[in-house]
Amino acid sequence: MTQHLYILTGASRGMGRAMAEQLLAPSNTLLCLSRHPAEALALQATQVGCQLVQWSLDLEHSLEASTQLTTWLALATSNTWASATLINNAGVMPPVVPLSEADPLALAQALRVGLETPLLLTAVFLHATQAWHVPRRVLNISSGLGRRAMASQTGYCAAKAGMDHFTRCLALEEARKPQGAKVCALAPGVIDTDMQVQLRGAQASAFPDRENFVALKNQGQLASPAEAARQILDYLARPDFGSHPVGDLRDAP
């Protein structure tokens, strides 16, 4: 048992890409699920001697993603791994408008990518690895917007609130098992990603909080994707990971 298995969604850009880059190590096997695999990431993996697998998947198709992961994990020999970790990072923010003006297709996509697919992937991961006698972890990348209501953010807030609550339920279930997985829904704070660009670019008449996000950028209060990724992976490696099923990096000691 020499390899640590990491399964990461949304690894092609932003904070997910930064996490993927920081997980590249000879002791790790990294499976990335993204719409567009990154050629540069494959080159980096070769250079450092990391086993990297990239799947080109649209995570809106939750059943396809979960079926493919089921098949892959069934072929993975349990005595290969020293630990197994699933990181549900992918998310989609629908257009920033009131719900009465929202596109149903965009809302459905946001809920599938941000809630339905993580739920299915987690179910598959835990079922396939339940007989593996190694530490198992599920890290769900959440958001402060899952805990704070915001106008014109209904779809995204709903997805993240659902993620938080399914993580709470999951923590209760896994705590009852002799070798249950450690789970946490972690909010990383405000990160300088495309989602922040989307929020700052929204129409002020449709998004009353727009100027707050503009101020965060202008005042240099956004963390870089690389720094946020480092803090997340440090949190994941803590011995007390999972002691709180819902957390926020900004509150972490």
C-alpha atoms as a PDB file:
ATOM      1  CA  MET A   1       0.000   0.000   0.000  1.00  0.00           C
ATOM      2  CA  THR A   2       2.136   2.832  -1.276  1.00  0.00           C
ATOM      3  CA  GLN A   3      -0.141   5.097  -3.271  1.00  0.00           C
ATOM      4  CA  HIS A   4      -2.626   7.668  -2.008  1.00  0.00           C
ATOM      5  CA  LEU A   5      -5.674   7.882  -4.273  1.00  0.00           C
ATOM      6  CA  TYR A   6      -7.238  11.287  -4.936  1.00  0.00           C
ATOM      7  CA  ILE A   7     -10.353  11.776  -7.072  1.00  0.00           C
ATOM      8  CA  LEU A   8     -10.927  15.421  -7.967  1.00  0.00           C
ATOM      9  CA  THR A   9     -13.722  17.071  -9.948  1.00  0.00           C
ATOM     10  CA  GLY A  10     -13.405  20.380 -11.762  1.00  0.00           C
ATOM     11  CA  ALA A  11      -9.628  20.149 -12.116  1.00  0.00           C
ATOM     12  CA  SER A  12      -9.200  21.994 -15.408  1.00  0.00           C
ATOM     13  CA  ARG A  13      -9.158  25.579 -14.137  1.00  0.00           C
ATOM     14  CA  GLY A  14      -9.229  27.892 -11.149  1.00  0.00           C
ATOM     15  CA  MET A  15      -8.866  26.463  -7.679  1.00  0.00           C
ATOM     16  CA  GLY A  16      -9.482  22.915  -8.910  1.00  0.00           C
ATOM     17  CA  ARG A  17      -6.562  23.184 -11.300  1.00  0.00           C
ATOM     18  CA  ALA A  18      -4.390  24.554  -8.500  1.00  0.00           C
ATOM     19  CA  MET A  19      -5.348  21.635  -6.243  1.00  0.00           C
ATOM     20  CA  ALA A  20      -4.551  19.171  -9.023  1.00  0.00           C
ATOM     21  CA  GLU A  21      -1.118  20.709  -9.530  1.00  0.00           C
ATOM     22  CA  GLN A  22      -0.368  20.580  -5.806  1.00  0.00           C
ATOM     23  CA  LEU A  23      -1.467  16.938  -5.575  1.00  0.00           C
ATOM     24  CA  LEU A  24       1.039  15.858  -8.222  1.00  0.00           C
ATOM     25  CA  ALA A  25       3.544  13.725  -6.319  1.00  0.00           C
ATOM     26  CA  PRO A  26       5.165  10.313  -6.830  1.00  0.00           C
ATOM     27  CA  SER A  27       3.223   8.946  -3.850  1.00  0.00           C
ATOM     28  CA  ASN A  28      -0.163   9.962  -5.289  1.00  0.00           C
ATOM     29  CA  THR A  29      -2.510   8.630  -7.946  1.00  0.00           C
ATOM     30  CA  LEU A  30      -4.745  11.453  -9.145  1.00  0.00           C
ATOM     31  CA  LEU A  31      -7.984  10.899 -11.072  1.00  0.00           C
ATOM     32  CA  CYS A  32      -9.404  14.153 -12.466  1.00  0.00           C
ATOM     33  CA  LEU A  33     -12.953  14.518 -13.774  1.00  0.00           C
ATOM     34  CA  SER A  34     -13.367  17.659 -15.884  1.00  0.00           C
ATOM     35  CA  ARG A  35     -15.009  18.759 -19.068  1.00  0.00           C
ATOM     36  CA  HIS A  36     -11.639  19.540 -20.645  1.00  0.00           C
ATOM     37  CA  PRO A  37      -8.520  17.588 -19.578  1.00  0.00           C
ATOM     38  CA  ALA A  38      -5.395  19.736 -19.253  1.00  0.00           C
ATOM     39  CA  GLU A  39      -2.419  18.774 -21.410  1.00  0.00           C
ATOM     40  CA  ALA A  40      -0.095  20.868 -19.260  1.00  0.00           C
ATOM     41  CA  LEU A  41      -1.193  18.957 -16.171  1.00  0.00           C
ATOM     42  CA  ALA A  42      -0.321  15.665 -17.863  1.00  0.00           C
ATOM     43  CA  LEU A  43       3.142  17.013 -18.692  1.00  0.00           C
ATOM     44  CA  GLN A  44       3.674  18.122 -15.085  1.00  0.00           C
ATOM     45  CA  ALA A  45       2.586  14.701 -13.817  1.00  0.00           C
ATOM     46  CA  THR A  46       5.122  12.991 -16.070  1.00  0.00           C
ATOM     47  CA  GLN A  47       7.871  15.309 -14.889  1.00  0.00           C
ATOM     48  CA  VAL A  48       7.257  14.599 -11.195  1.00  0.00           C
ATOM     49  CA  GLY A  49       6.438  10.907 -11.621  1.00  0.00           C
ATOM     50  CA  CYS A  50       2.792  11.103 -10.559  1.00  0.00           C
ATOM     51  CA  GLN A  51       0.186   8.658 -11.822  1.00  0.00           C
ATOM     52  CA  LEU A  52      -2.437  10.915 -13.427  1.00  0.00           C
ATOM     53  CA  VAL A  53      -5.712   9.871 -15.058  1.00  0.00           C
ATOM     54  CA  GLN A  54      -7.919  12.520 -16.685  1.00  0.00           C
ATOM     55  CA  TRP A  55     -11.476  11.896 -17.845  1.00  0.00           C
ATOM     56  CA  SER A  56     -13.249  14.230 -20.219  1.00  0.00           C
ATOM     57  CA  LEU A  57     -16.685  14.382 -18.611  1.00  0.00           C
ATOM     58  CA  ASP A  58     -19.505  16.882 -18.494  1.00  0.00           C
ATOM     59  CA  LEU A  59     -20.439  16.658 -14.817  1.00  0.00           C
ATOM     60  CA  GLU A  60     -23.950  17.752 -15.662  1.00  0.00           C
ATOM     61  CA  HIS A  61     -24.406  14.091 -16.667  1.00  0.00           C
ATOM     62  CA  SER A  62     -24.382  12.687 -13.163  1.00  0.00           C
ATOM     63  CA  LEU A  63     -25.371   9.113 -14.004  1.00  0.00           C
ATOM     64  CA  GLU A  64     -22.675   8.815 -16.659  1.00  0.00           C
ATOM     65  CA  ALA A  65     -20.036  10.136 -14.263  1.00  0.00           C
ATOM     66  CA  SER A  66     -21.094   7.908 -11.381  1.00  0.00           C
ATOM     67  CA  THR A  67     -21.304   4.817 -13.598  1.00  0.00           C
ATOM     68  CA  GLN A  68     -17.829   5.417 -14.976  1.00  0.00           C
ATOM     69  CA  LEU A  69     -16.421   5.892 -11.483  1.00  0.00           C
ATOM     70  CA  THR A  70     -18.141   2.707 -10.295  1.00  0.00           C
ATOM     71  CA  THR A  71     -16.478   0.714 -13.059  1.00  0.00           C
ATOM     72  CA  TRP A  72     -13.056   2.263 -12.435  1.00  0.00           C
ATOM     73  CA  LEU A  73     -13.127   1.676  -8.680  1.00  0.00           C
ATOM     74  CA  ALA A  74     -14.278  -1.916  -9.176  1.00  0.00           C
ATOM     75  CA  LEU A  75     -11.043  -2.550 -11.070  1.00  0.00           C
ATOM     76  CA  ALA A  76      -8.879  -0.791  -8.485  1.00  0.00           C
ATOM     77  CA  THR A  77      -7.205  -3.337  -6.206  1.00  0.00           C
ATOM     78  CA  SER A  78      -7.804  -2.360  -2.589  1.00  0.00           C
ATOM     79  CA  ASN A  79      -4.316  -3.343  -1.409  1.00  0.00           C
ATOM     80  CA  THR A  80      -2.800  -0.778  -3.783  1.00  0.00           C
ATOM     81  CA  TRP A  81      -3.828   2.215  -1.709  1.00  0.00           C
ATOM     82  CA  ALA A  82      -2.623   3.809   1.505  1.00  0.00           C
ATOM     83  CA  SER A  83      -5.655   6.127   1.564  1.00  0.00           C
ATOM     84  CA  ALA A  84      -8.537   7.204  -0.678  1.00  0.00           C
ATOM     85  CA  THR A  85      -9.971  10.706  -0.977  1.00  0.00           C
ATOM     86  CA  LEU A  86     -12.805  12.185  -3.029  1.00  0.00           C
ATOM     87  CA  ILE A  87     -12.793  15.969  -3.547  1.00  0.00           C
ATOM     88  CA  ASN A  88     -16.040  17.318  -4.994  1.00  0.00           C
ATOM     89  CA  ASN A  89     -14.856  20.694  -6.247  1.00  0.00           C
ATOM     90  CA  ALA A  90     -16.750  21.339  -9.489  1.00  0.00           C
ATOM     91  CA  GLY A  91     -19.495  23.919  -9.438  1.00  0.00           C
ATOM     92  CA  VAL A  92     -21.470  26.114 -11.826  1.00  0.00           C
ATOM     93  CA  MET A  93     -22.909  29.550 -11.139  1.00  0.00           C
ATOM     94  CA  PRO A  94     -25.986  30.276 -13.276  1.00  0.00           C
ATOM     95  CA  PRO A  95     -26.544  33.812 -14.612  1.00  0.00           C
ATOM     96  CA  VAL A  96     -26.803  36.301 -11.760  1.00  0.00           C
ATOM     97  CA  VAL A  97     -30.451  37.290 -11.974  1.00  0.00           C
ATOM     98  CA  PRO A  98     -33.551  36.964  -9.764  1.00  0.00           C
ATOM     99  CA  LEU A  99     -35.193  33.550  -9.847  1.00  0.00           C
ATOM    100  CA  SER A 100     -38.175  35.019 -11.706  1.00  0.00           C
ATOM    101  CA  GLU A 101     -35.822  35.845 -14.590  1.00  0.00           C
ATOM    102  CA  ALA A 102     -33.737  32.658 -14.470  1.00  0.00           C
ATOM    103  CA  ASP A 103     -33.226  30.246 -17.347  1.00  0.00           C
ATOM    104  CA  PRO A 104     -34.548  26.821 -16.233  1.00  0.00           C
ATOM    105  CA  LEU A 105     -31.813  25.038 -18.178  1.00  0.00           C
ATOM    106  CA  ALA A 106     -29.080  27.053 -16.439  1.00  0.00           C
ATOM    107  CA  LEU A 107     -30.653  26.358 -13.049  1.00  0.00           C
ATOM    108  CA  ALA A 108     -30.867  22.644 -13.775  1.00  0.00           C
ATOM    109  CA  GLN A 109     -27.215  22.574 -14.832  1.00  0.00           C
ATOM    110  CA  ALA A 110     -26.105  24.369 -11.671  1.00  0.00           C
ATOM    111  CA  LEU A 111     -28.025  21.980  -9.426  1.00  0.00           C
ATOM    112  CA  ARG A 112     -26.805  18.892 -11.260  1.00  0.00           C
ATOM    113  CA  VAL A 113     -23.131  19.891 -11.251  1.00  0.00           C
ATOM    114  CA  GLY A 114     -23.172  21.454  -7.789  1.00  0.00           C
ATOM    115  CA  LEU A 115     -25.377  19.002  -5.895  1.00  0.00           C
ATOM    116  CA  GLU A 116     -26.654  15.968  -7.789  1.00  0.00           C
ATOM    117  CA  THR A 117     -23.317  14.827  -9.194  1.00  0.00           C
ATOM    118  CA  PRO A 118     -21.371  15.256  -5.916  1.00  0.00           C
ATOM    119  CA  LEU A 119     -24.087  13.282  -4.125  1.00  0.00           C
ATOM    120  CA  LEU A 120     -23.924  10.420  -6.637  1.00  0.00           C
ATOM    121  CA  LEU A 121     -20.126  10.374  -6.823  1.00  0.00           C
ATOM    122  CA  THR A 122     -19.926  10.291  -3.036  1.00  0.00           C
ATOM    123  CA  ALA A 123     -22.377   7.385  -2.852  1.00  0.00           C
ATOM    124  CA  VAL A 124     -20.383   5.450  -5.449  1.00  0.00           C
ATOM    125  CA  PHE A 125     -17.038   6.224  -3.818  1.00  0.00           C
ATOM    126  CA  LEU A 126     -18.138   5.172  -0.344  1.00  0.00           C
ATOM    127  CA  HIS A 127     -19.806   1.978  -1.559  1.00  0.00           C
ATOM    128  CA  ALA A 128     -16.846   0.896  -3.683  1.00  0.00           C
ATOM    129  CA  THR A 129     -14.271   1.571  -0.974  1.00  0.00           C
ATOM    130  CA  GLN A 130     -16.152   0.408   2.119  1.00  0.00           C
ATOM    131  CA  ALA A 131     -14.109  -2.816   2.353  1.00  0.00           C
ATOM    132  CA  TRP A 132     -10.794  -1.000   1.890  1.00  0.00           C
ATOM    133  CA  HIS A 133      -8.985  -0.994   5.220  1.00  0.00           C
ATOM    134  CA  VAL A 134      -7.443   2.436   4.690  1.00  0.00           C
ATOM    135  CA  PRO A 135      -8.356   5.985   5.722  1.00  0.00           C
ATOM    136  CA  ARG A 136     -11.074   7.415   3.471  1.00  0.00           C
ATOM    137  CA  ARG A 137     -12.099  11.045   3.190  1.00  0.00           C
ATOM    138  CA  VAL A 138     -14.715  13.063   1.325  1.00  0.00           C
ATOM    139  CA  LEU A 139     -14.108  16.775   0.952  1.00  0.00           C
ATOM    140  CA  ASN A 140     -16.964  18.803  -0.505  1.00  0.00           C
ATOM    141  CA  ILE A 141     -15.964  22.306  -1.587  1.00  0.00           C
ATOM    142  CA  SER A 142     -18.827  24.436  -0.345  1.00  0.00           C
ATOM    143  CA  SER A 143     -19.314  28.194  -0.070  1.00  0.00           C
ATOM    144  CA  GLY A 144     -20.360  30.832   2.390  1.00  0.00           C
ATOM    145  CA  LEU A 145     -23.352  31.287   0.090  1.00  0.00           C
ATOM    146  CA  GLY A 146     -24.586  27.904   1.214  1.00  0.00           C
ATOM    147  CA  ARG A 147     -25.022  29.454   4.663  1.00  0.00           C
ATOM    148  CA  ARG A 148     -25.908  33.028   3.745  1.00  0.00           C
ATOM    149  CA  ALA A 149     -28.868  33.979   1.569  1.00  0.00           C
ATOM    150  CA  MET A 150     -28.176  36.364  -1.300  1.00  0.00           C
ATOM    151  CA  ALA A 151     -30.534  37.821  -3.878  1.00  0.00           C
ATOM    152  CA  SER A 152     -30.027  36.673  -7.480  1.00  0.00           C
ATOM    153  CA  GLN A 153     -27.963  33.706  -6.288  1.00  0.00           C
ATOM    154  CA  THR A 154     -30.817  31.274  -5.632  1.00  0.00           C
ATOM    155  CA  GLY A 155     -29.530  28.374  -7.716  1.00  0.00           C
ATOM    156  CA  TYR A 156     -25.957  28.520  -6.472  1.00  0.00           C
ATOM    157  CA  CYS A 157     -27.006  29.073  -2.844  1.00  0.00           C
ATOM    158  CA  ALA A 158     -29.427  26.148  -3.036  1.00  0.00           C
ATOM    159  CA  ALA A 159     -26.778  23.809  -4.447  1.00  0.00           C
ATOM    160  CA  LYS A 160     -24.249  24.705  -1.768  1.00  0.00           C
ATOM    161  CA  ALA A 161     -26.806  24.572   1.057  1.00  0.00           C
ATOM    162  CA  GLY A 162     -27.813  21.122  -0.166  1.00  0.00           C
ATOM    163  CA  MET A 163     -24.177  20.065  -0.244  1.00  0.00           C
ATOM    164  CA  ASP A 164     -23.695  21.238   3.346  1.00  0.00           C
ATOM    165  CA  HIS A 165     -26.721  19.345   4.571  1.00  0.00           C
ATOM    166  CA  PHE A 166     -26.017  16.098   2.744  1.00  0.00           C
ATOM    167  CA  THR A 167     -22.540  16.251   4.288  1.00  0.00           C
ATOM    168  CA  ARG A 168     -24.073  16.594   7.764  1.00  0.00           C
ATOM    169  CA  CYS A 169     -26.282  13.559   7.098  1.00  0.00           C
ATOM    170  CA  LEU A 170     -23.342  11.607   5.700  1.00  0.00           C
ATOM    171  CA  ALA A 171     -21.201  12.376   8.744  1.00  0.00           C
ATOM    172  CA  LEU A 172     -23.879  10.837  10.986  1.00  0.00           C
ATOM    173  CA  GLU A 173     -23.982   7.710   8.827  1.00  0.00           C
ATOM    174  CA  GLU A 174     -20.228   7.219   8.605  1.00  0.00           C
ATOM    175  CA  ALA A 175     -19.767   7.801  12.351  1.00  0.00           C
ATOM    176  CA  ARG A 176     -21.812   4.644  12.978  1.00  0.00           C
ATOM    177  CA  LYS A 177     -19.368   2.471  11.027  1.00  0.00           C
ATOM    178  CA  PRO A 178     -16.192   0.929  12.464  1.00  0.00           C
ATOM    179  CA  GLN A 179     -14.110   2.351   9.621  1.00  0.00           C
ATOM    180  CA  GLY A 180     -16.335   5.139   8.420  1.00  0.00           C
ATOM    181  CA  ALA A 181     -15.067   7.849   6.119  1.00  0.00           C
ATOM    182  CA  LYS A 182     -14.216  11.309   7.417  1.00  0.00           C
ATOM    183  CA  VAL A 183     -16.296  13.947   5.641  1.00  0.00           C
ATOM    184  CA  CYS A 184     -16.455  17.727   5.527  1.00  0.00           C
ATOM    185  CA  ALA A 185     -18.105  20.458   3.463  1.00  0.00           C
ATOM    186  CA  LEU A 186     -15.544  23.265   3.525  1.00  0.00           C
ATOM    187  CA  ALA A 187     -16.046  26.867   2.435  1.00  0.00           C
ATOM    188  CA  PRO A 188     -12.739  28.268   1.142  1.00  0.00           C
ATOM    189  CA  GLY A 189     -13.522  31.990   1.352  1.00  0.00           C
ATOM    190  CA  VAL A 190     -13.452  34.414  -1.580  1.00  0.00           C
ATOM    191  CA  ILE A 191     -11.119  33.295  -4.358  1.00  0.00           C
ATOM    192  CA  ASP A 192      -9.997  35.191  -7.449  1.00  0.00           C
ATOM    193  CA  THR A 193     -11.689  32.917  -9.999  1.00  0.00           C
ATOM    194  CA  ASP A 194     -14.047  33.192 -12.968  1.00  0.00           C
ATOM    195  CA  MET A 195     -17.013  33.097 -10.582  1.00  0.00           C
ATOM    196  CA  GLN A 196     -15.864  36.348  -9.010  1.00  0.00           C
ATOM    197  CA  VAL A 197     -15.591  37.878 -12.495  1.00  0.00           C
ATOM    198  CA  GLN A 198     -19.147  36.740 -13.150  1.00  0.00           C
ATOM    199  CA  LEU A 199     -20.403  38.357  -9.948  1.00  0.00           C
ATOM    200  CA  ARG A 200     -18.613  41.650 -10.613  1.00  0.00           C
ATOM    201  CA  GLY A 201     -19.925  41.685 -14.169  1.00  0.00           C
ATOM    202  CA  ALA A 202     -23.577  41.254 -13.190  1.00  0.00           C
ATOM    203  CA  GLN A 203     -26.063  44.057 -13.738  1.00  0.00           C
ATOM    204  CA  ALA A 204     -26.317  46.169 -10.589  1.00  0.00           C
ATOM    205  CA  SER A 205     -30.087  46.422 -11.056  1.00  0.00           C
ATOM    206  CA  ALA A 206     -30.338  42.621 -10.905  1.00  0.00           C
ATOM    207  CA  PHE A 207     -27.719  41.992  -8.234  1.00  0.00           C
ATOM    208  CA  PRO A 208     -27.860  44.239  -5.151  1.00  0.00           C
ATOM    209  CA  ASP A 209     -24.585  42.831  -3.739  1.00  0.00           C
ATOM    210  CA  ARG A 210     -22.534  43.556  -6.861  1.00  0.00           C
ATOM    211  CA  GLU A 211     -20.584  46.470  -5.377  1.00  0.00           C
ATOM    212  CA  ASN A 212     -19.496  44.348  -2.407  1.00  0.00           C
ATOM    213  CA  PHE A 213     -17.749  41.961  -4.782  1.00  0.00           C
ATOM    214  CA  VAL A 214     -16.228  44.835  -6.749  1.00  0.00           C
ATOM    215  CA  ALA A 215     -14.840  46.193  -3.474  1.00  0.00           C
ATOM    216  CA  LEU A 216     -13.329  42.837  -2.527  1.00  0.00           C
ATOM    217  CA  LYS A 217     -11.368  42.856  -5.786  1.00  0.00           C
ATOM    218  CA  ASN A 218     -10.350  46.509  -5.566  1.00  0.00           C
ATOM    219  CA  GLN A 219      -9.192  46.132  -1.966  1.00  0.00           C
ATOM    220  CA  GLY A 220      -7.091  43.044  -2.714  1.00  0.00           C
ATOM    221  CA  GLN A 221      -9.162  40.790  -0.469  1.00  0.00           C
ATOM    222  CA  LEU A 222      -9.400  37.864  -2.886  1.00  0.00           C
ATOM    223  CA  ALA A 223      -7.156  34.866  -2.275  1.00  0.00           C
ATOM    224  CA  SER A 224      -5.311  33.422  -5.256  1.00  0.00           C
ATOM    225  CA  PRO A 225      -6.414  29.973  -6.448  1.00  0.00           C
ATOM    226  CA  ALA A 226      -2.982  28.572  -5.539  1.00  0.00           C
ATOM    227  CA  GLU A 227      -3.095  29.908  -1.986  1.00  0.00           C
ATOM    228  CA  ALA A 228      -6.672  28.711  -1.466  1.00  0.00           C
ATOM    229  CA  ALA A 229      -5.728  25.277  -2.808  1.00  0.00           C
ATOM    230  CA  ARG A 230      -2.775  25.060  -0.420  1.00  0.00           C
ATOM    231  CA  GLN A 231      -4.974  25.948   2.561  1.00  0.00           C
ATOM    232  CA  ILE A 232      -7.635  23.430   1.533  1.00  0.00           C
ATOM    233  CA  LEU A 233      -5.146  20.596   1.142  1.00  0.00           C
ATOM    234  CA  ASP A 234      -3.526  21.509   4.471  1.00  0.00           C
ATOM    235  CA  TYR A 235      -6.980  21.320   6.075  1.00  0.00           C
ATOM    236  CA  LEU A 236      -7.614  17.975   4.389  1.00  0.00           C
ATOM    237  CA  ALA A 237      -4.365  16.603   5.855  1.00  0.00           C
ATOM    238  CA  ARG A 238      -5.179  17.653   9.423  1.00  0.00           C
ATOM    239  CA  PRO A 239      -5.601  14.790  11.914  1.00  0.00           C
ATOM    240  CA  ASP A 240      -8.916  16.303  13.037  1.00  0.00           C
ATOM    241  CA  PHE A 241     -10.340  16.488   9.499  1.00  0.00           C
ATOM    242  CA  GLY A 242     -14.009  15.525   9.667  1.00  0.00           C
ATOM    243  CA  SER A 243     -14.496  16.451  13.310  1.00  0.00           C
ATOM    244  CA  HIS A 244     -16.810  19.207  12.034  1.00  0.00           C
ATOM    245  CA  PRO A 245     -18.904  18.153   9.039  1.00  0.00           C
ATOM    246  CA  VAL A 246     -19.343  21.769   7.883  1.00  0.00           C
ATOM    247  CA  GLY A 247     -16.430  24.188   8.079  1.00  0.00           C
ATOM    248  CA  ASP A 248     -14.986  27.453   6.796  1.00  0.00           C
ATOM    249  CA  LEU A 249     -11.309  28.085   6.166  1.00  0.00           C
ATOM    250  CA  ARG A 250     -11.699  31.605   7.528  1.00  0.00           C
ATOM    251  CA  ASP A 251     -12.682  30.175  10.922  1.00  0.00           C
ATOM    252  CA  ALA A 252     -10.040  27.439  11.012  1.00  0.00           C
ATOM    253  CA  PRO A 253      -7.368  27.799  13.723  1.00  0.00           C
END
